[in-house]
């Protein structure tokens, strides 16, 4: 990393616990679920529920799930985000490129303050959420606005149909299916949102649809060869539909025995892709007589780093 560069790129991901333990998970979830962008219930109602019921119950259960996917280097989300940032640094040699987490470590707020302290004046912020949502990208934007007064900041809000990114996703799916065989159906599974968030105007569902359609078009898939769904439901309220588990159940009932699942809403693999999809939903579908093949996220693949580096250059108006 160039020590004297006044231009920086921050690759910002959601975040992760520091360890697969109940206490670490509770600390992480307290920060994450305490963000009003994530949960908009008034604090007087939400905090007693969060600290009195949700964290005590979810902490141990989530810790056990994290332990299933934990790597020698740490949480998959952090490991792959760091590797992706390193790949971006190779492509942007005259910039400072750093990973940061909206929740947990390395903390976005502290990283922004460090960059200001060393004299960075031009900053490109890349939230690693291809599809814009008020619950993710806007939360990053809120914090960046608080900490970067006087700096030249560009926030990349959405790259859901960026040609380079779409091509990278399509190529990863094509390559996987060439190596492992193609299932009868391709399912694009995105992280879900409460339906009320979409009803309030959040464009996320349409951005997910745009991404899936763009990738399917590059792959040359007919409409009946692919579907879109939403995973990771939480709580009792209505979430975006169709749910991934419901789509898998319908496919199994229709006699489909091999399904490939890709998660193009996730820049890198994490708990939701590895434990929820590759393990949990694969087991669920197998119990219904099928086989689910999970196609890994782009992670630090060269094509992914190339696409994101190009986004950063364009955002900064730079050829660096």
C-alpha atoms as a PDB file:
ATOM      1  CA  UNK A   1       0.000   0.000   0.000  1.00  0.00           C
ATOM      2  CA  UNK A   2       1.494   3.372  -0.983  1.00  0.00           C
ATOM      3  CA  UNK A   3       2.124   5.303   2.223  1.00  0.00           C
ATOM      4  CA  UNK A   4       1.828   8.724   0.617  1.00  0.00           C
ATOM      5  CA  UNK A   5      -1.254   8.225  -1.563  1.00  0.00           C
ATOM      6  CA  UNK A   6      -4.028  10.758  -1.026  1.00  0.00           C
ATOM      7  CA  UNK A   7      -6.571   8.490  -2.784  1.00  0.00           C
ATOM      8  CA  UNK A   8      -8.153   5.524  -1.034  1.00  0.00           C
ATOM      9  CA  UNK A   9     -10.672   2.814  -1.764  1.00  0.00           C
ATOM     10  CA  UNK A  10     -12.643   1.273   1.067  1.00  0.00           C
ATOM     11  CA  UNK A  11     -14.183  -2.122   0.346  1.00  0.00           C
ATOM     12  CA  UNK A  12     -16.947  -2.240   2.956  1.00  0.00           C
ATOM     13  CA  UNK A  13     -18.746  -5.417   3.929  1.00  0.00           C
ATOM     14  CA  UNK A  14     -21.478  -6.046   6.477  1.00  0.00           C
ATOM     15  CA  UNK A  15     -19.401  -7.544   9.272  1.00  0.00           C
ATOM     16  CA  UNK A  16     -18.866 -10.640  11.353  1.00  0.00           C
ATOM     17  CA  UNK A  17     -18.191 -11.732  14.925  1.00  0.00           C
ATOM     18  CA  UNK A  18     -14.573 -11.881  16.049  1.00  0.00           C
ATOM     19  CA  UNK A  19     -14.940 -15.517  17.061  1.00  0.00           C
ATOM     20  CA  UNK A  20     -17.489 -18.354  16.788  1.00  0.00           C
ATOM     21  CA  UNK A  21     -18.522 -17.945  20.413  1.00  0.00           C
ATOM     22  CA  UNK A  22     -21.802 -16.918  21.965  1.00  0.00           C
ATOM     23  CA  UNK A  23     -20.340 -13.806  23.591  1.00  0.00           C
ATOM     24  CA  UNK A  24     -18.672 -12.612  20.366  1.00  0.00           C
ATOM     25  CA  UNK A  25     -21.824 -13.249  18.365  1.00  0.00           C
ATOM     26  CA  UNK A  26     -23.949 -11.345  20.892  1.00  0.00           C
ATOM     27  CA  UNK A  27     -21.614  -8.331  20.668  1.00  0.00           C
ATOM     28  CA  UNK A  28     -21.782  -8.389  16.888  1.00  0.00           C
ATOM     29  CA  UNK A  29     -25.558  -8.837  16.735  1.00  0.00           C
ATOM     30  CA  UNK A  30     -26.099  -6.069  19.281  1.00  0.00           C
ATOM     31  CA  UNK A  31     -24.315  -3.630  16.975  1.00  0.00           C
ATOM     32  CA  UNK A  32     -25.920  -4.951  13.801  1.00  0.00           C
ATOM     33  CA  UNK A  33     -29.478  -5.216  15.084  1.00  0.00           C
ATOM     34  CA  UNK A  34     -29.082  -1.947  16.975  1.00  0.00           C
ATOM     35  CA  UNK A  35     -28.766  -0.004  13.735  1.00  0.00           C
ATOM     36  CA  UNK A  36     -32.099   1.740  12.997  1.00  0.00           C
ATOM     37  CA  UNK A  37     -31.450   1.202   9.285  1.00  0.00           C
ATOM     38  CA  UNK A  38     -31.613  -2.539   9.943  1.00  0.00           C
ATOM     39  CA  UNK A  39     -34.436  -2.589  12.485  1.00  0.00           C
ATOM     40  CA  UNK A  40     -36.691   0.460  12.466  1.00  0.00           C
ATOM     41  CA  UNK A  41     -38.689  -0.395  15.609  1.00  0.00           C
ATOM     42  CA  UNK A  42     -38.514   2.463  18.163  1.00  0.00           C
ATOM     43  CA  UNK A  43     -35.617   1.824  20.581  1.00  0.00           C
ATOM     44  CA  UNK A  44     -37.852   1.900  23.660  1.00  0.00           C
ATOM     45  CA  UNK A  45     -39.702  -1.101  22.266  1.00  0.00           C
ATOM     46  CA  UNK A  46     -36.862  -2.821  20.446  1.00  0.00           C
ATOM     47  CA  UNK A  47     -33.967  -2.751  22.923  1.00  0.00           C
ATOM     48  CA  UNK A  48     -35.681  -4.671  25.754  1.00  0.00           C
ATOM     49  CA  UNK A  49     -36.670  -7.320  23.210  1.00  0.00           C
ATOM     50  CA  UNK A  50     -33.201  -7.368  21.650  1.00  0.00           C
ATOM     51  CA  UNK A  51     -31.236  -7.646  24.885  1.00  0.00           C
ATOM     52  CA  UNK A  52     -33.772  -9.627  26.884  1.00  0.00           C
ATOM     53  CA  UNK A  53     -34.798 -12.260  24.359  1.00  0.00           C
ATOM     54  CA  UNK A  54     -33.151 -12.184  20.927  1.00  0.00           C
ATOM     55  CA  UNK A  55     -29.460 -11.947  21.863  1.00  0.00           C
ATOM     56  CA  UNK A  56     -29.616 -14.572  24.636  1.00  0.00           C
ATOM     57  CA  UNK A  57     -31.390 -17.000  22.293  1.00  0.00           C
ATOM     58  CA  UNK A  58     -29.598 -16.286  19.028  1.00  0.00           C
ATOM     59  CA  UNK A  59     -26.088 -15.923  20.433  1.00  0.00           C
ATOM     60  CA  UNK A  60     -25.412 -19.611  21.174  1.00  0.00           C
ATOM     61  CA  UNK A  61     -27.330 -20.856  18.143  1.00  0.00           C
ATOM     62  CA  UNK A  62     -25.566 -18.521  15.726  1.00  0.00           C
ATOM     63  CA  UNK A  63     -22.193 -19.274  17.317  1.00  0.00           C
ATOM     64  CA  UNK A  64     -22.705 -22.975  16.613  1.00  0.00           C
ATOM     65  CA  UNK A  65     -23.485 -22.162  12.983  1.00  0.00           C
ATOM     66  CA  UNK A  66     -20.416 -19.933  12.646  1.00  0.00           C
ATOM     67  CA  UNK A  67     -18.277 -22.746  14.057  1.00  0.00           C
ATOM     68  CA  UNK A  68     -19.355 -24.966  11.147  1.00  0.00           C
ATOM     69  CA  UNK A  69     -17.818 -22.616   8.558  1.00  0.00           C
ATOM     70  CA  UNK A  70     -15.023 -20.909  10.522  1.00  0.00           C
ATOM     71  CA  UNK A  71     -11.671 -20.953   8.718  1.00  0.00           C
ATOM     72  CA  UNK A  72      -8.151 -21.151  10.139  1.00  0.00           C
ATOM     73  CA  UNK A  73      -7.769 -17.441   9.297  1.00  0.00           C
ATOM     74  CA  UNK A  74     -11.093 -16.459  10.814  1.00  0.00           C
ATOM     75  CA  UNK A  75     -14.618 -15.790   9.632  1.00  0.00           C
ATOM     76  CA  UNK A  76     -15.097 -16.545   5.913  1.00  0.00           C
ATOM     77  CA  UNK A  77     -16.608 -13.120   5.282  1.00  0.00           C
ATOM     78  CA  UNK A  78     -13.597 -11.367   6.780  1.00  0.00           C
ATOM     79  CA  UNK A  79     -11.043 -13.701   5.204  1.00  0.00           C
ATOM     80  CA  UNK A  80     -12.468 -13.327   1.702  1.00  0.00           C
ATOM     81  CA  UNK A  81     -13.050  -9.587   2.063  1.00  0.00           C
ATOM     82  CA  UNK A  82      -9.406  -9.129   3.035  1.00  0.00           C
ATOM     83  CA  UNK A  83      -8.284 -11.237   0.090  1.00  0.00           C
ATOM     84  CA  UNK A  84     -10.504  -9.241  -2.249  1.00  0.00           C
ATOM     85  CA  UNK A  85      -9.083  -5.965  -0.901  1.00  0.00           C
ATOM     86  CA  UNK A  86      -5.567  -7.311  -1.508  1.00  0.00           C
ATOM     87  CA  UNK A  87      -6.497  -8.198  -5.082  1.00  0.00           C
ATOM     88  CA  UNK A  88      -7.902  -4.694  -5.567  1.00  0.00           C
ATOM     89  CA  UNK A  89      -4.682  -3.205  -4.180  1.00  0.00           C
ATOM     90  CA  UNK A  90      -2.731  -5.077  -6.870  1.00  0.00           C
ATOM     91  CA  UNK A  91      -4.934  -3.486  -9.517  1.00  0.00           C
ATOM     92  CA  UNK A  92      -4.801  -0.013  -7.964  1.00  0.00           C
ATOM     93  CA  UNK A  93      -1.115   0.276  -7.019  1.00  0.00           C
ATOM     94  CA  UNK A  94      -1.180   4.039  -6.514  1.00  0.00           C
ATOM     95  CA  UNK A  95      -4.154   3.959  -4.132  1.00  0.00           C
ATOM     96  CA  UNK A  96      -4.595   2.905  -0.546  1.00  0.00           C
ATOM     97  CA  UNK A  97      -7.040  -0.023  -0.556  1.00  0.00           C
ATOM     98  CA  UNK A  98      -8.486  -1.208   2.734  1.00  0.00           C
ATOM     99  CA  UNK A  99     -11.262  -3.548   3.864  1.00  0.00           C
ATOM    100  CA  UNK A 100     -13.740  -2.313   6.465  1.00  0.00           C
ATOM    101  CA  UNK A 101     -16.825  -3.648   8.195  1.00  0.00           C
ATOM    102  CA  UNK A 102     -19.999  -1.728   8.905  1.00  0.00           C
ATOM    103  CA  UNK A 103     -20.380  -3.786  12.080  1.00  0.00           C
ATOM    104  CA  UNK A 104     -17.523  -5.463  13.921  1.00  0.00           C
ATOM    105  CA  UNK A 105     -13.845  -5.245  12.967  1.00  0.00           C
ATOM    106  CA  UNK A 106     -12.075  -3.678  11.186  1.00  0.00           C
ATOM    107  CA  UNK A 107     -14.602  -0.998  12.021  1.00  0.00           C
ATOM    108  CA  UNK A 108     -15.628   1.385   9.249  1.00  0.00           C
ATOM    109  CA  UNK A 109     -15.690   4.428  11.541  1.00  0.00           C
ATOM    110  CA  UNK A 110     -12.181   3.825  12.882  1.00  0.00           C
ATOM    111  CA  UNK A 111     -10.851   3.138   9.389  1.00  0.00           C
ATOM    112  CA  UNK A 112     -12.302   6.392   8.074  1.00  0.00           C
ATOM    113  CA  UNK A 113     -10.689   8.317  10.916  1.00  0.00           C
ATOM    114  CA  UNK A 114      -7.347   6.637  10.252  1.00  0.00           C
ATOM    115  CA  UNK A 115      -7.488   7.592   6.578  1.00  0.00           C
ATOM    116  CA  UNK A 116      -8.242  11.203   7.431  1.00  0.00           C
ATOM    117  CA  UNK A 117      -5.367  11.230   9.933  1.00  0.00           C
ATOM    118  CA  UNK A 118      -2.840  10.133   7.307  1.00  0.00           C
ATOM    119  CA  UNK A 119      -3.951  12.783   4.825  1.00  0.00           C
ATOM    120  CA  UNK A 120      -6.260  10.957   2.438  1.00  0.00           C
ATOM    121  CA  UNK A 121      -8.297  13.556   0.595  1.00  0.00           C
ATOM    122  CA  UNK A 122     -10.020  11.565  -2.157  1.00  0.00           C
ATOM    123  CA  UNK A 123     -12.022   8.546  -1.066  1.00  0.00           C
ATOM    124  CA  UNK A 124     -14.030   5.985  -3.002  1.00  0.00           C
ATOM    125  CA  UNK A 125     -16.331   3.878  -0.831  1.00  0.00           C
ATOM    126  CA  UNK A 126     -17.467   0.577  -2.301  1.00  0.00           C
ATOM    127  CA  UNK A 127     -20.112  -1.174  -0.202  1.00  0.00           C
ATOM    128  CA  UNK A 128     -19.850  -4.825  -1.216  1.00  0.00           C
ATOM    129  CA  UNK A 129     -23.598  -5.039  -1.755  1.00  0.00           C
ATOM    130  CA  UNK A 130     -24.205  -5.226  -5.519  1.00  0.00           C
ATOM    131  CA  UNK A 131     -27.894  -4.371  -5.076  1.00  0.00           C
ATOM    132  CA  UNK A 132     -28.684  -1.121  -3.255  1.00  0.00           C
ATOM    133  CA  UNK A 133     -30.875  -1.215  -0.161  1.00  0.00           C
ATOM    134  CA  UNK A 134     -31.639   1.293   2.550  1.00  0.00           C
ATOM    135  CA  UNK A 135     -30.806  -1.433   5.077  1.00  0.00           C
ATOM    136  CA  UNK A 136     -27.241  -1.936   3.830  1.00  0.00           C
ATOM    137  CA  UNK A 137     -25.777   0.630   1.442  1.00  0.00           C
ATOM    138  CA  UNK A 138     -27.609   3.560   3.022  1.00  0.00           C
ATOM    139  CA  UNK A 139     -26.309   2.597   6.459  1.00  0.00           C
ATOM    140  CA  UNK A 140     -22.752   2.759   5.114  1.00  0.00           C
ATOM    141  CA  UNK A 141     -23.545   6.124   3.527  1.00  0.00           C
ATOM    142  CA  UNK A 142     -24.844   7.475   6.849  1.00  0.00           C
ATOM    143  CA  UNK A 143     -21.629   6.677   8.687  1.00  0.00           C
ATOM    144  CA  UNK A 144     -19.383   7.848   5.850  1.00  0.00           C
ATOM    145  CA  UNK A 145     -21.168  11.199   5.790  1.00  0.00           C
ATOM    146  CA  UNK A 146     -20.537  11.621   9.521  1.00  0.00           C
ATOM    147  CA  UNK A 147     -16.798  10.996   9.272  1.00  0.00           C
ATOM    148  CA  UNK A 148     -15.663  12.512   5.963  1.00  0.00           C
ATOM    149  CA  UNK A 149     -16.540  16.180   6.075  1.00  0.00           C
ATOM    150  CA  UNK A 150     -14.056  18.105   3.962  1.00  0.00           C
ATOM    151  CA  UNK A 151     -12.986  15.041   1.974  1.00  0.00           C
ATOM    152  CA  UNK A 152     -13.758  14.330  -1.676  1.00  0.00           C
ATOM    153  CA  UNK A 153     -15.932  11.220  -1.322  1.00  0.00           C
ATOM    154  CA  UNK A 154     -17.624   9.082  -3.943  1.00  0.00           C
ATOM    155  CA  UNK A 155     -19.963   6.305  -2.827  1.00  0.00           C
ATOM    156  CA  UNK A 156     -20.637   3.505  -5.299  1.00  0.00           C
ATOM    157  CA  UNK A 157     -24.272   2.885  -4.417  1.00  0.00           C
ATOM    158  CA  UNK A 158     -25.143   0.030  -6.746  1.00  0.00           C
ATOM    159  CA  UNK A 159     -23.543  -2.187  -9.346  1.00  0.00           C
ATOM    160  CA  UNK A 160     -26.380  -4.643  -9.839  1.00  0.00           C
ATOM    161  CA  UNK A 161     -26.141  -4.540 -13.639  1.00  0.00           C
ATOM    162  CA  UNK A 162     -22.534  -3.422 -14.129  1.00  0.00           C
ATOM    163  CA  UNK A 163     -21.375  -5.299 -17.265  1.00  0.00           C
ATOM    164  CA  UNK A 164     -18.039  -6.349 -15.777  1.00  0.00           C
ATOM    165  CA  UNK A 165     -19.629  -7.680 -12.607  1.00  0.00           C
ATOM    166  CA  UNK A 166     -22.449  -9.426 -14.496  1.00  0.00           C
ATOM    167  CA  UNK A 167     -19.905 -11.075 -16.793  1.00  0.00           C
ATOM    168  CA  UNK A 168     -17.860 -12.234 -13.792  1.00  0.00           C
ATOM    169  CA  UNK A 169     -20.902 -13.800 -12.108  1.00  0.00           C
ATOM    170  CA  UNK A 170     -22.053 -15.456 -15.328  1.00  0.00           C
ATOM    171  CA  UNK A 171     -18.593 -16.816 -16.053  1.00  0.00           C
ATOM    172  CA  UNK A 172     -18.270 -18.258 -12.540  1.00  0.00           C
ATOM    173  CA  UNK A 173     -21.587 -20.089 -12.968  1.00  0.00           C
ATOM    174  CA  UNK A 174     -20.668 -21.291 -16.447  1.00  0.00           C
ATOM    175  CA  UNK A 175     -17.290 -22.530 -15.271  1.00  0.00           C
ATOM    176  CA  UNK A 176     -18.756 -24.324 -12.247  1.00  0.00           C
ATOM    177  CA  UNK A 177     -21.372 -26.085 -14.338  1.00  0.00           C
ATOM    178  CA  UNK A 178     -18.781 -27.066 -16.923  1.00  0.00           C
ATOM    179  CA  UNK A 179     -16.602 -28.636 -14.221  1.00  0.00           C
ATOM    180  CA  UNK A 180     -19.322 -30.251 -12.083  1.00  0.00           C
ATOM    181  CA  UNK A 181     -22.224 -30.707 -14.459  1.00  0.00           C
ATOM    182  CA  UNK A 182     -25.271 -28.489 -14.789  1.00  0.00           C
ATOM    183  CA  UNK A 183     -28.366 -28.989 -12.695  1.00  0.00           C
ATOM    184  CA  UNK A 184     -31.783 -28.954 -14.289  1.00  0.00           C
ATOM    185  CA  UNK A 185     -32.534 -25.538 -12.775  1.00  0.00           C
ATOM    186  CA  UNK A 186     -30.544 -22.498 -11.666  1.00  0.00           C
ATOM    187  CA  UNK A 187     -31.801 -20.648  -8.595  1.00  0.00           C
ATOM    188  CA  UNK A 188     -30.579 -17.150  -7.730  1.00  0.00           C
ATOM    189  CA  UNK A 189     -30.955 -16.773  -3.972  1.00  0.00           C
ATOM    190  CA  UNK A 190     -30.700 -13.256  -2.528  1.00  0.00           C
ATOM    191  CA  UNK A 191     -30.761 -12.112   1.088  1.00  0.00           C
ATOM    192  CA  UNK A 192     -34.289 -11.224   2.089  1.00  0.00           C
ATOM    193  CA  UNK A 193     -35.886  -8.071   3.510  1.00  0.00           C
ATOM    194  CA  UNK A 194     -39.105  -7.463   5.407  1.00  0.00           C
ATOM    195  CA  UNK A 195     -41.839  -6.749   2.885  1.00  0.00           C
ATOM    196  CA  UNK A 196     -42.655  -3.483   4.660  1.00  0.00           C
ATOM    197  CA  UNK A 197     -39.195  -2.144   3.718  1.00  0.00           C
ATOM    198  CA  UNK A 198     -39.921  -2.740   0.043  1.00  0.00           C
ATOM    199  CA  UNK A 199     -43.421  -1.316   0.439  1.00  0.00           C
ATOM    200  CA  UNK A 200     -41.828   1.874   1.803  1.00  0.00           C
ATOM    201  CA  UNK A 201     -39.936   2.328  -1.452  1.00  0.00           C
ATOM    202  CA  UNK A 202     -36.698   0.386  -1.056  1.00  0.00           C
ATOM    203  CA  UNK A 203     -35.600  -0.540  -4.614  1.00  0.00           C
ATOM    204  CA  UNK A 204     -33.794  -3.703  -3.527  1.00  0.00           C
ATOM    205  CA  UNK A 205     -36.254  -6.274  -4.953  1.00  0.00           C
ATOM    206  CA  UNK A 206     -36.100  -4.692  -8.402  1.00  0.00           C
ATOM    207  CA  UNK A 207     -32.286  -4.484  -8.254  1.00  0.00           C
ATOM    208  CA  UNK A 208     -32.175  -8.200  -7.426  1.00  0.00           C
ATOM    209  CA  UNK A 209     -34.486  -8.944 -10.344  1.00  0.00           C
ATOM    210  CA  UNK A 210     -32.307  -6.800 -12.614  1.00  0.00           C
ATOM    211  CA  UNK A 211     -29.167  -8.697 -11.552  1.00  0.00           C
ATOM    212  CA  UNK A 212     -30.721 -12.126 -12.021  1.00  0.00           C
ATOM    213  CA  UNK A 213     -32.132 -11.222 -15.433  1.00  0.00           C
ATOM    214  CA  UNK A 214     -28.805  -9.774 -16.582  1.00  0.00           C
ATOM    215  CA  UNK A 215     -26.841 -12.856 -15.525  1.00  0.00           C
ATOM    216  CA  UNK A 216     -29.436 -15.222 -16.993  1.00  0.00           C
ATOM    217  CA  UNK A 217     -29.300 -13.313 -20.287  1.00  0.00           C
ATOM    218  CA  UNK A 218     -25.505 -13.626 -20.508  1.00  0.00           C
ATOM    219  CA  UNK A 219     -25.845 -17.357 -19.769  1.00  0.00           C
ATOM    220  CA  UNK A 220     -28.484 -17.688 -22.472  1.00  0.00           C
ATOM    221  CA  UNK A 221     -31.037 -19.223 -20.106  1.00  0.00           C
ATOM    222  CA  UNK A 222     -34.701 -19.510 -20.993  1.00  0.00           C
ATOM    223  CA  UNK A 223     -37.193 -18.219 -18.388  1.00  0.00           C
ATOM    224  CA  UNK A 224     -38.112 -21.731 -17.271  1.00  0.00           C
ATOM    225  CA  UNK A 225     -34.459 -22.616 -16.607  1.00  0.00           C
ATOM    226  CA  UNK A 226     -33.980 -20.233 -13.688  1.00  0.00           C
ATOM    227  CA  UNK A 227     -35.750 -18.655 -10.717  1.00  0.00           C
ATOM    228  CA  UNK A 228     -35.195 -15.914  -8.140  1.00  0.00           C
ATOM    229  CA  UNK A 229     -35.782 -16.301  -4.410  1.00  0.00           C
ATOM    230  CA  UNK A 230     -34.972 -14.746  -1.029  1.00  0.00           C
ATOM    231  CA  UNK A 231     -33.332 -16.383   1.981  1.00  0.00           C
ATOM    232  CA  UNK A 232     -32.381 -15.599   5.598  1.00  0.00           C
ATOM    233  CA  UNK A 233     -35.784 -14.761   7.019  1.00  0.00           C
ATOM    234  CA  UNK A 234     -35.842 -13.493  10.589  1.00  0.00           C
ATOM    235  CA  UNK A 235     -38.791 -12.881  12.877  1.00  0.00           C
ATOM    236  CA  UNK A 236     -42.477 -13.376  12.278  1.00  0.00           C
ATOM    237  CA  UNK A 237     -43.347 -10.540   9.914  1.00  0.00           C
ATOM    238  CA  UNK A 238     -43.784 -11.049   6.189  1.00  0.00           C
ATOM    239  CA  UNK A 239     -40.574 -11.012   4.143  1.00  0.00           C
ATOM    240  CA  UNK A 240     -39.911 -10.796   0.434  1.00  0.00           C
ATOM    241  CA  UNK A 241     -41.225 -13.736  -1.512  1.00  0.00           C
ATOM    242  CA  UNK A 242     -40.756 -16.320  -2.817  1.00  0.00           C
ATOM    243  CA  UNK A 243     -38.536 -17.756  -0.126  1.00  0.00           C
ATOM    244  CA  UNK A 244     -35.663 -19.973  -1.207  1.00  0.00           C
ATOM    245  CA  UNK A 245     -36.932 -22.918   0.811  1.00  0.00           C
ATOM    246  CA  UNK A 246     -40.398 -22.636  -0.743  1.00  0.00           C
ATOM    247  CA  UNK A 247     -38.958 -22.548  -4.271  1.00  0.00           C
ATOM    248  CA  UNK A 248     -36.851 -25.617  -3.536  1.00  0.00           C
ATOM    249  CA  UNK A 249     -39.921 -27.417  -2.200  1.00  0.00           C
ATOM    250  CA  UNK A 250     -41.881 -26.558  -5.348  1.00  0.00           C
ATOM    251  CA  UNK A 251     -39.050 -27.736  -7.571  1.00  0.00           C
ATOM    252  CA  UNK A 252     -38.815 -31.006  -5.667  1.00  0.00           C
ATOM    253  CA  UNK A 253     -42.593 -31.487  -5.925  1.00  0.00           C
ATOM    254  CA  UNK A 254     -42.345 -30.908  -9.683  1.00  0.00           C
ATOM    255  CA  UNK A 255     -39.783 -33.680  -9.999  1.00  0.00           C
ATOM    256  CA  UNK A 256     -36.661 -31.537 -10.380  1.00  0.00           C
ATOM    257  CA  UNK A 257     -33.810 -33.530  -8.875  1.00  0.00           C
ATOM    258  CA  UNK A 258     -30.756 -31.336  -9.450  1.00  0.00           C
ATOM    259  CA  UNK A 259     -30.702 -27.611  -8.659  1.00  0.00           C
ATOM    260  CA  UNK A 260     -27.749 -25.238  -8.827  1.00  0.00           C
ATOM    261  CA  UNK A 261     -27.906 -22.290  -6.419  1.00  0.00           C
ATOM    262  CA  UNK A 262     -25.942 -19.048  -6.859  1.00  0.00           C
ATOM    263  CA  UNK A 263     -26.051 -16.103  -4.455  1.00  0.00           C
ATOM    264  CA  UNK A 264     -25.151 -12.986  -6.490  1.00  0.00           C
ATOM    265  CA  UNK A 265     -26.234 -10.621  -3.722  1.00  0.00           C
ATOM    266  CA  UNK A 266     -23.199 -11.676  -1.689  1.00  0.00           C
ATOM    267  CA  UNK A 267     -19.793 -10.462  -2.835  1.00  0.00           C
ATOM    268  CA  UNK A 268     -17.993 -13.104  -0.780  1.00  0.00           C
ATOM    269  CA  UNK A 269     -18.961 -16.308   0.943  1.00  0.00           C
ATOM    270  CA  UNK A 270     -20.209 -16.040   4.513  1.00  0.00           C
ATOM    271  CA  UNK A 271     -22.484 -17.688   7.043  1.00  0.00           C
ATOM    272  CA  UNK A 272     -25.569 -17.166   4.888  1.00  0.00           C
ATOM    273  CA  UNK A 273     -24.087 -18.825   1.816  1.00  0.00           C
ATOM    274  CA  UNK A 274     -21.961 -21.550   3.398  1.00  0.00           C
ATOM    275  CA  UNK A 275     -24.021 -22.670   6.383  1.00  0.00           C
ATOM    276  CA  UNK A 276     -27.519 -21.667   5.326  1.00  0.00           C
ATOM    277  CA  UNK A 277     -27.381 -22.644   1.640  1.00  0.00           C
ATOM    278  CA  UNK A 278     -24.491 -25.030   0.998  1.00  0.00           C
ATOM    279  CA  UNK A 279     -25.202 -26.994   4.184  1.00  0.00           C
ATOM    280  CA  UNK A 280     -28.715 -26.386   5.495  1.00  0.00           C
ATOM    281  CA  UNK A 281     -30.720 -25.970   2.301  1.00  0.00           C
ATOM    282  CA  UNK A 282     -28.700 -28.680   0.564  1.00  0.00           C
ATOM    283  CA  UNK A 283     -29.703 -31.082   3.340  1.00  0.00           C
ATOM    284  CA  UNK A 284     -33.311 -29.880   3.136  1.00  0.00           C
ATOM    285  CA  UNK A 285     -33.463 -30.495  -0.626  1.00  0.00           C
ATOM    286  CA  UNK A 286     -31.734 -33.867  -0.316  1.00  0.00           C
ATOM    287  CA  UNK A 287     -34.415 -34.975   2.134  1.00  0.00           C
ATOM    288  CA  UNK A 288     -36.916 -34.321  -0.666  1.00  0.00           C
ATOM    289  CA  UNK A 289     -35.035 -36.515  -3.086  1.00  0.00           C
ATOM    290  CA  UNK A 290     -32.926 -33.883  -4.792  1.00  0.00           C
ATOM    291  CA  UNK A 291     -29.362 -32.654  -5.005  1.00  0.00           C
ATOM    292  CA  UNK A 292     -28.467 -29.006  -4.433  1.00  0.00           C
ATOM    293  CA  UNK A 293     -25.137 -27.771  -5.803  1.00  0.00           C
ATOM    294  CA  UNK A 294     -23.993 -24.475  -4.332  1.00  0.00           C
ATOM    295  CA  UNK A 295     -21.953 -22.259  -6.677  1.00  0.00           C
ATOM    296  CA  UNK A 296     -19.461 -20.233  -4.595  1.00  0.00           C
ATOM    297  CA  UNK A 297     -19.472 -16.442  -4.523  1.00  0.00           C
ATOM    298  CA  UNK A 298     -16.935 -14.530  -6.588  1.00  0.00           C
ATOM    299  CA  UNK A 299     -14.745 -13.956  -3.508  1.00  0.00           C
ATOM    300  CA  UNK A 300     -11.280 -12.787  -4.641  1.00  0.00           C
ATOM    301  CA  UNK A 301     -11.497 -14.217  -8.162  1.00  0.00           C
ATOM    302  CA  UNK A 302      -9.477 -12.169 -10.689  1.00  0.00           C
ATOM    303  CA  UNK A 303     -12.583 -11.281 -12.722  1.00  0.00           C
ATOM    304  CA  UNK A 304     -14.290  -9.985  -9.589  1.00  0.00           C
ATOM    305  CA  UNK A 305     -11.319  -7.828  -8.616  1.00  0.00           C
ATOM    306  CA  UNK A 306     -11.037  -6.573 -12.202  1.00  0.00           C
ATOM    307  CA  UNK A 307     -14.699  -5.527 -12.270  1.00  0.00           C
ATOM    308  CA  UNK A 308     -14.608  -3.764  -8.902  1.00  0.00           C
ATOM    309  CA  UNK A 309     -11.305  -2.020  -9.645  1.00  0.00           C
ATOM    310  CA  UNK A 310     -12.839  -0.684 -12.843  1.00  0.00           C
ATOM    311  CA  UNK A 311     -15.851   0.558 -10.877  1.00  0.00           C
ATOM    312  CA  UNK A 312     -13.521   2.380  -8.486  1.00  0.00           C
ATOM    313  CA  UNK A 313     -11.513   3.985 -11.298  1.00  0.00           C
ATOM    314  CA  UNK A 314     -14.667   5.174 -13.015  1.00  0.00           C
ATOM    315  CA  UNK A 315     -16.034   6.557  -9.743  1.00  0.00           C
ATOM    316  CA  UNK A 316     -12.835   8.515  -9.135  1.00  0.00           C
ATOM    317  CA  UNK A 317     -12.431   9.570 -12.740  1.00  0.00           C
ATOM    318  CA  UNK A 318      -8.981   7.995 -12.686  1.00  0.00           C
ATOM    319  CA  UNK A 319      -6.876   5.715 -14.852  1.00  0.00           C
ATOM    320  CA  UNK A 320      -4.711   4.659 -11.881  1.00  0.00           C
END
